Amino acid sequence: MMNVVGVFLGAGIGGALRYVLGGWIADRWGASFPWHTMVINVGGAFLLGLLMALSVDQQVVSPQVRLLVGVGVLGGFTTFSTLSYESIALLEQGLVAQGLANMFGSAVLGLVAVLAGLAIGRAI
């Protein structure tokens, strides 16, 4: 039951962080392209890669912290459903290049970010 509570609390923290950081990015970079969602997804992918390397490979982070941060905070922080909706919305507006750039840019950069997080975490 404590694991469920940890994930629940972590998801609330992650969602609040997403809201605050997303608003901050949109205010500074504009909202015509969903940079805020891409930055959050790529950053979350990097942090998850780092966390998994430190937890699974290096065993310096406990399974309970991995649940709290990985499933909870980062699960609440990253925004795949928002990414999908924003990409479709761009396509529906006729902004095909932007819609495809958003979806595939986030996917490719997310994979690169996970690899970078794993590499850094494994090197520690």
N, C-alpha and C. Protein backbone atom coordinates (compact mmCIF):
# COMPACT_ATOMS: atom_id res chain seq x y z
N MET A 1 0.82 -1.20 0.00
CA MET A 1 0.00 0.00 0.00
C MET A 1 0.86 1.26 0.00
N MET A 2 2.00 1.21 0.66
CA MET A 2 2.89 2.39 0.70
C MET A 2 3.41 2.71 -0.70
N ASN A 3 3.63 1.68 -1.53
CA ASN A 3 4.07 1.94 -2.90
C ASN A 3 3.02 2.72 -3.68
N VAL A 4 1.76 2.37 -3.49
CA VAL A 4 0.67 3.06 -4.17
C VAL A 4 0.61 4.52 -3.71
N VAL A 5 0.75 4.73 -2.42
CA VAL A 5 0.74 6.10 -1.88
C VAL A 5 1.92 6.90 -2.45
N GLY A 6 3.09 6.28 -2.52
CA GLY A 6 4.26 6.95 -3.08
C GLY A 6 4.06 7.35 -4.54
N VAL A 7 3.51 6.44 -5.33
CA VAL A 7 3.24 6.74 -6.75
C VAL A 7 2.19 7.84 -6.86
N PHE A 8 1.16 7.78 -6.04
CA PHE A 8 0.10 8.79 -6.03
C PHE A 8 0.67 10.18 -5.71
N LEU A 9 1.47 10.27 -4.67
CA LEU A 9 2.05 11.56 -4.29
C LEU A 9 3.04 12.04 -5.36
N GLY A 10 3.85 11.13 -5.87
CA GLY A 10 4.80 11.49 -6.91
C GLY A 10 4.13 12.01 -8.17
N ALA A 11 3.03 11.38 -8.56
CA ALA A 11 2.31 11.81 -9.76
C ALA A 11 1.75 13.22 -9.58
N GLY A 12 1.28 13.53 -8.38
CA GLY A 12 0.81 14.89 -8.11
C GLY A 12 1.92 15.90 -8.22
N ILE A 13 3.08 15.56 -7.69
CA ILE A 13 4.24 16.45 -7.79
C ILE A 13 4.64 16.62 -9.25
N GLY A 14 4.70 15.52 -9.98
CA GLY A 14 5.09 15.58 -11.39
C GLY A 14 4.11 16.39 -12.23
N GLY A 15 2.82 16.22 -11.97
CA GLY A 15 1.81 17.00 -12.70
C GLY A 15 1.93 18.48 -12.41
N ALA A 16 2.17 18.83 -11.16
CA ALA A 16 2.34 20.25 -10.79
C ALA A 16 3.60 20.82 -11.45
N LEU A 17 4.68 20.05 -11.45
CA LEU A 17 5.92 20.50 -12.11
C LEU A 17 5.69 20.71 -13.60
N ARG A 18 4.96 19.79 -14.23
CA ARG A 18 4.66 19.92 -15.66
C ARG A 18 3.88 21.21 -15.92
N TYR A 19 2.90 21.48 -15.11
CA TYR A 19 2.07 22.68 -15.28
C TYR A 19 2.91 23.94 -15.15
N VAL A 20 3.72 24.02 -14.12
CA VAL A 20 4.53 25.22 -13.88
C VAL A 20 5.60 25.38 -14.96
N LEU A 21 6.35 24.34 -15.23
CA LEU A 21 7.42 24.42 -16.24
C LEU A 21 6.84 24.64 -17.63
N GLY A 22 5.75 23.96 -17.96
CA GLY A 22 5.13 24.13 -19.27
C GLY A 22 4.66 25.56 -19.48
N GLY A 23 4.06 26.15 -18.47
CA GLY A 23 3.63 27.54 -18.57
C GLY A 23 4.79 28.49 -18.72
N TRP A 24 5.85 28.23 -17.98
CA TRP A 24 7.04 29.08 -18.04
C TRP A 24 7.65 29.03 -19.44
N ILE A 25 7.77 27.84 -20.00
CA ILE A 25 8.35 27.68 -21.34
C ILE A 25 7.44 28.34 -22.38
N ALA A 26 6.14 28.10 -22.30
CA ALA A 26 5.21 28.70 -23.27
C ALA A 26 5.24 30.22 -23.20
N ASP A 27 5.37 30.77 -22.01
CA ASP A 27 5.46 32.23 -21.86
C ASP A 27 6.71 32.79 -22.53
N ARG A 28 7.80 32.05 -22.48
CA ARG A 28 9.07 32.56 -23.02
C ARG A 28 9.27 32.23 -24.49
N TRP A 29 8.84 31.05 -24.93
CA TRP A 29 9.09 30.61 -26.30
C TRP A 29 7.87 30.71 -27.19
N GLY A 30 6.72 31.04 -26.60
CA GLY A 30 5.49 31.13 -27.37
C GLY A 30 4.78 29.79 -27.42
N ALA A 31 3.52 29.84 -27.83
CA ALA A 31 2.69 28.63 -27.83
C ALA A 31 2.26 28.22 -29.24
N SER A 32 2.82 28.84 -30.28
CA SER A 32 2.43 28.46 -31.63
C SER A 32 2.95 27.07 -31.98
N PHE A 33 4.03 26.65 -31.37
CA PHE A 33 4.54 25.29 -31.47
C PHE A 33 4.68 24.78 -30.04
N PRO A 34 4.27 23.55 -29.75
CA PRO A 34 4.27 23.07 -28.37
C PRO A 34 5.66 22.69 -27.85
N TRP A 35 6.56 23.67 -27.83
CA TRP A 35 7.90 23.44 -27.29
C TRP A 35 7.84 22.95 -25.85
N HIS A 36 6.89 23.48 -25.09
CA HIS A 36 6.78 23.11 -23.68
C HIS A 36 6.58 21.60 -23.52
N THR A 37 5.76 21.01 -24.36
CA THR A 37 5.52 19.57 -24.27
C THR A 37 6.76 18.79 -24.69
N MET A 38 7.41 19.23 -25.76
CA MET A 38 8.61 18.53 -26.22
C MET A 38 9.71 18.59 -25.17
N VAL A 39 9.95 19.76 -24.60
CA VAL A 39 11.00 19.91 -23.59
C VAL A 39 10.70 19.02 -22.38
N ILE A 40 9.46 19.00 -21.96
CA ILE A 40 9.08 18.19 -20.80
C ILE A 40 9.24 16.70 -21.11
N ASN A 41 8.81 16.25 -22.28
CA ASN A 41 8.94 14.83 -22.63
C ASN A 41 10.40 14.41 -22.76
N VAL A 42 11.20 15.24 -23.41
CA VAL A 42 12.62 14.90 -23.59
C VAL A 42 13.34 14.95 -22.24
N GLY A 43 13.06 15.97 -21.45
CA GLY A 43 13.66 16.05 -20.11
C GLY A 43 13.26 14.88 -19.24
N GLY A 44 11.98 14.51 -19.29
CA GLY A 44 11.51 13.36 -18.52
C GLY A 44 12.15 12.06 -18.98
N ALA A 45 12.34 11.92 -20.29
CA ALA A 45 12.99 10.72 -20.83
C ALA A 45 14.43 10.63 -20.33
N PHE A 46 15.13 11.76 -20.35
CA PHE A 46 16.51 11.78 -19.84
C PHE A 46 16.54 11.39 -18.36
N LEU A 47 15.67 12.01 -17.58
CA LEU A 47 15.66 11.72 -16.14
C LEU A 47 15.28 10.28 -15.85
N LEU A 48 14.37 9.69 -16.64
CA LEU A 48 14.02 8.29 -16.44
C LEU A 48 15.20 7.38 -16.79
N GLY A 49 15.89 7.70 -17.86
CA GLY A 49 17.09 6.92 -18.21
C GLY A 49 18.13 6.99 -17.10
N LEU A 50 18.36 8.18 -16.58
CA LEU A 50 19.32 8.35 -15.48
C LEU A 50 18.87 7.58 -14.24
N LEU A 51 17.61 7.72 -13.89
CA LEU A 51 17.08 7.02 -12.72
C LEU A 51 17.22 5.51 -12.86
N MET A 52 16.88 4.97 -14.02
CA MET A 52 16.95 3.52 -14.20
C MET A 52 18.39 3.02 -14.14
N ALA A 53 19.32 3.78 -14.69
CA ALA A 53 20.72 3.38 -14.61
C ALA A 53 21.18 3.39 -13.16
N LEU A 54 20.80 4.41 -12.41
CA LEU A 54 21.21 4.49 -11.01
C LEU A 54 20.51 3.44 -10.14
N SER A 55 19.30 3.08 -10.51
CA SER A 55 18.55 2.12 -9.72
C SER A 55 18.84 0.68 -10.10
N VAL A 56 18.71 0.36 -11.38
CA VAL A 56 18.84 -1.02 -11.83
C VAL A 56 20.30 -1.41 -12.02
N ASP A 57 21.06 -0.56 -12.72
CA ASP A 57 22.45 -0.91 -13.04
C ASP A 57 23.41 -0.65 -11.87
N GLN A 58 23.34 0.55 -11.30
CA GLN A 58 24.28 0.93 -10.24
C GLN A 58 23.78 0.54 -8.85
N GLN A 59 22.49 0.31 -8.70
CA GLN A 59 21.84 -0.06 -7.45
C GLN A 59 22.15 0.91 -6.31
N VAL A 60 22.14 2.22 -6.65
CA VAL A 60 22.33 3.25 -5.63
C VAL A 60 21.01 3.96 -5.30
N VAL A 61 19.96 3.62 -6.04
CA VAL A 61 18.62 4.15 -5.78
C VAL A 61 17.71 2.95 -5.49
N SER A 62 16.98 3.02 -4.38
CA SER A 62 16.14 1.90 -3.96
C SER A 62 14.93 1.72 -4.88
N PRO A 63 14.37 0.51 -4.89
CA PRO A 63 13.15 0.27 -5.68
C PRO A 63 12.00 1.19 -5.27
N GLN A 64 11.91 1.54 -3.99
CA GLN A 64 10.84 2.43 -3.53
C GLN A 64 11.01 3.84 -4.10
N VAL A 65 12.24 4.33 -4.13
CA VAL A 65 12.50 5.65 -4.72
C VAL A 65 12.26 5.59 -6.22
N ARG A 66 12.64 4.46 -6.85
CA ARG A 66 12.39 4.30 -8.29
C ARG A 66 10.89 4.38 -8.58
N LEU A 67 10.06 3.77 -7.75
CA LEU A 67 8.61 3.86 -7.93
C LEU A 67 8.12 5.30 -7.73
N LEU A 68 8.54 5.92 -6.65
CA LEU A 68 8.12 7.28 -6.35
C LEU A 68 8.49 8.24 -7.48
N VAL A 69 9.75 8.19 -7.89
CA VAL A 69 10.24 9.14 -8.89
C VAL A 69 9.92 8.69 -10.31
N GLY A 70 10.21 7.44 -10.64
CA GLY A 70 10.03 6.97 -12.01
C GLY A 70 8.58 6.85 -12.43
N VAL A 71 7.80 6.11 -11.66
CA VAL A 71 6.40 5.92 -12.00
C VAL A 71 5.58 7.13 -11.59
N GLY A 72 5.83 7.64 -10.39
CA GLY A 72 5.05 8.75 -9.86
C GLY A 72 5.41 10.09 -10.47
N VAL A 73 6.56 10.66 -10.06
CA VAL A 73 6.92 12.01 -10.49
C VAL A 73 7.07 12.09 -12.01
N LEU A 74 7.87 11.21 -12.58
CA LEU A 74 8.11 11.31 -14.03
C LEU A 74 6.88 10.87 -14.83
N GLY A 75 6.08 9.94 -14.30
CA GLY A 75 4.83 9.57 -14.95
C GLY A 75 3.85 10.73 -14.98
N GLY A 76 3.81 11.50 -13.90
CA GLY A 76 2.96 12.68 -13.86
C GLY A 76 3.54 13.85 -14.63
N PHE A 77 4.85 13.87 -14.79
CA PHE A 77 5.54 14.98 -15.43
C PHE A 77 5.50 14.90 -16.95
N THR A 78 5.75 13.72 -17.50
CA THR A 78 5.78 13.60 -18.96
C THR A 78 4.36 13.60 -19.52
N THR A 79 4.25 13.88 -20.78
CA THR A 79 2.95 14.24 -21.33
C THR A 79 2.69 13.62 -22.69
N PHE A 80 2.78 12.31 -22.80
CA PHE A 80 2.61 11.70 -24.11
C PHE A 80 1.22 11.94 -24.67
N SER A 81 0.20 11.89 -23.82
CA SER A 81 -1.15 12.13 -24.33
C SER A 81 -1.29 13.56 -24.84
N THR A 82 -0.68 14.51 -24.16
CA THR A 82 -0.71 15.90 -24.62
C THR A 82 0.07 16.04 -25.92
N LEU A 83 1.22 15.38 -26.00
CA LEU A 83 2.02 15.38 -27.22
C LEU A 83 1.19 14.87 -28.39
N SER A 84 0.49 13.79 -28.19
CA SER A 84 -0.32 13.20 -29.26
C SER A 84 -1.42 14.16 -29.69
N TYR A 85 -2.13 14.73 -28.73
CA TYR A 85 -3.22 15.66 -29.06
C TYR A 85 -2.69 16.89 -29.79
N GLU A 86 -1.62 17.48 -29.27
CA GLU A 86 -1.08 18.69 -29.90
C GLU A 86 -0.59 18.42 -31.32
N SER A 87 -0.04 17.24 -31.54
CA SER A 87 0.41 16.89 -32.89
C SER A 87 -0.77 16.78 -33.84
N ILE A 88 -1.84 16.11 -33.41
CA ILE A 88 -3.04 16.00 -34.24
C ILE A 88 -3.66 17.37 -34.46
N ALA A 89 -3.69 18.20 -33.43
CA ALA A 89 -4.26 19.55 -33.57
C ALA A 89 -3.50 20.35 -34.62
N LEU A 90 -2.18 20.24 -34.63
CA LEU A 90 -1.38 20.93 -35.64
C LEU A 90 -1.70 20.39 -37.04
N LEU A 91 -1.81 19.07 -37.16
CA LEU A 91 -2.16 18.47 -38.45
C LEU A 91 -3.53 18.94 -38.92
N GLU A 92 -4.50 18.99 -38.01
CA GLU A 92 -5.85 19.43 -38.37
C GLU A 92 -5.89 20.90 -38.80
N GLN A 93 -4.94 21.69 -38.31
CA GLN A 93 -4.85 23.09 -38.70
C GLN A 93 -4.11 23.25 -40.03
N GLY A 94 -3.71 22.14 -40.61
CA GLY A 94 -2.98 22.20 -41.87
C GLY A 94 -1.49 22.42 -41.68
N LEU A 95 -1.02 22.39 -40.46
CA LEU A 95 0.40 22.60 -40.17
C LEU A 95 1.08 21.23 -40.11
N VAL A 96 1.14 20.60 -41.27
CA VAL A 96 1.63 19.22 -41.36
C VAL A 96 3.07 19.10 -40.90
N ALA A 97 3.93 19.97 -41.38
CA ALA A 97 5.35 19.89 -41.00
C ALA A 97 5.52 20.06 -39.49
N GLN A 98 4.79 21.01 -38.91
CA GLN A 98 4.90 21.22 -37.47
C GLN A 98 4.35 20.02 -36.69
N GLY A 99 3.22 19.47 -37.13
CA GLY A 99 2.65 18.31 -36.44
C GLY A 99 3.58 17.12 -36.47
N LEU A 100 4.16 16.86 -37.64
CA LEU A 100 5.10 15.73 -37.76
C LEU A 100 6.39 16.00 -36.99
N ALA A 101 6.87 17.25 -37.05
CA ALA A 101 8.08 17.61 -36.31
C ALA A 101 7.86 17.43 -34.81
N ASN A 102 6.68 17.80 -34.33
CA ASN A 102 6.39 17.65 -32.91
C ASN A 102 6.39 16.18 -32.50
N MET A 103 5.67 15.35 -33.23
CA MET A 103 5.55 13.95 -32.86
C MET A 103 6.89 13.22 -33.01
N PHE A 104 7.49 13.32 -34.18
CA PHE A 104 8.72 12.56 -34.41
C PHE A 104 9.92 13.20 -33.74
N GLY A 105 9.93 14.53 -33.62
CA GLY A 105 11.01 15.20 -32.90
C GLY A 105 11.03 14.78 -31.44
N SER A 106 9.86 14.75 -30.82
CA SER A 106 9.78 14.31 -29.42
C SER A 106 10.19 12.85 -29.27
N ALA A 107 9.76 12.01 -30.21
CA ALA A 107 10.10 10.59 -30.12
C ALA A 107 11.60 10.37 -30.26
N VAL A 108 12.20 10.96 -31.29
CA VAL A 108 13.64 10.78 -31.52
C VAL A 108 14.45 11.40 -30.39
N LEU A 109 14.12 12.64 -30.03
CA LEU A 109 14.87 13.30 -28.95
C LEU A 109 14.65 12.58 -27.63
N GLY A 110 13.45 12.03 -27.41
CA GLY A 110 13.20 11.26 -26.20
C GLY A 110 14.08 10.01 -26.12
N LEU A 111 14.22 9.31 -27.24
CA LEU A 111 15.10 8.13 -27.26
C LEU A 111 16.55 8.52 -27.01
N VAL A 112 16.99 9.60 -27.63
CA VAL A 112 18.36 10.09 -27.42
C VAL A 112 18.55 10.49 -25.96
N ALA A 113 17.53 11.13 -25.37
CA ALA A 113 17.62 11.56 -23.98
C ALA A 113 17.71 10.36 -23.03
N VAL A 114 16.93 9.30 -23.30
CA VAL A 114 17.03 8.10 -22.47
C VAL A 114 18.43 7.50 -22.57
N LEU A 115 18.96 7.42 -23.78
CA LEU A 115 20.32 6.88 -23.95
C LEU A 115 21.34 7.73 -23.20
N ALA A 116 21.20 9.05 -23.27
CA ALA A 116 22.12 9.94 -22.55
C ALA A 116 21.99 9.75 -21.04
N GLY A 117 20.75 9.65 -20.55
CA GLY A 117 20.55 9.43 -19.12
C GLY A 117 21.14 8.11 -18.67
N LEU A 118 20.92 7.05 -19.45
CA LEU A 118 21.51 5.76 -19.12
C LEU A 118 23.03 5.82 -19.10
N ALA A 119 23.61 6.45 -20.12
CA ALA A 119 25.08 6.53 -20.19
C ALA A 119 25.65 7.29 -19.00
N ILE A 120 25.04 8.41 -18.66
CA ILE A 120 25.53 9.18 -17.50
C ILE A 120 25.34 8.40 -16.21
N GLY A 121 24.15 7.80 -16.06
CA GLY A 121 23.88 7.04 -14.85
C GLY A 121 24.78 5.84 -14.70
N ARG A 122 25.11 5.19 -15.79
CA ARG A 122 26.00 4.01 -15.73
C ARG A 122 27.46 4.39 -15.51
N ALA A 123 27.81 5.63 -15.85
CA ALA A 123 29.19 6.08 -15.67
C ALA A 123 29.46 6.55 -14.25
N ILE A 124 28.41 6.76 -13.49
CA ILE A 124 28.58 7.26 -12.12
C ILE A 124 29.11 6.17 -11.23
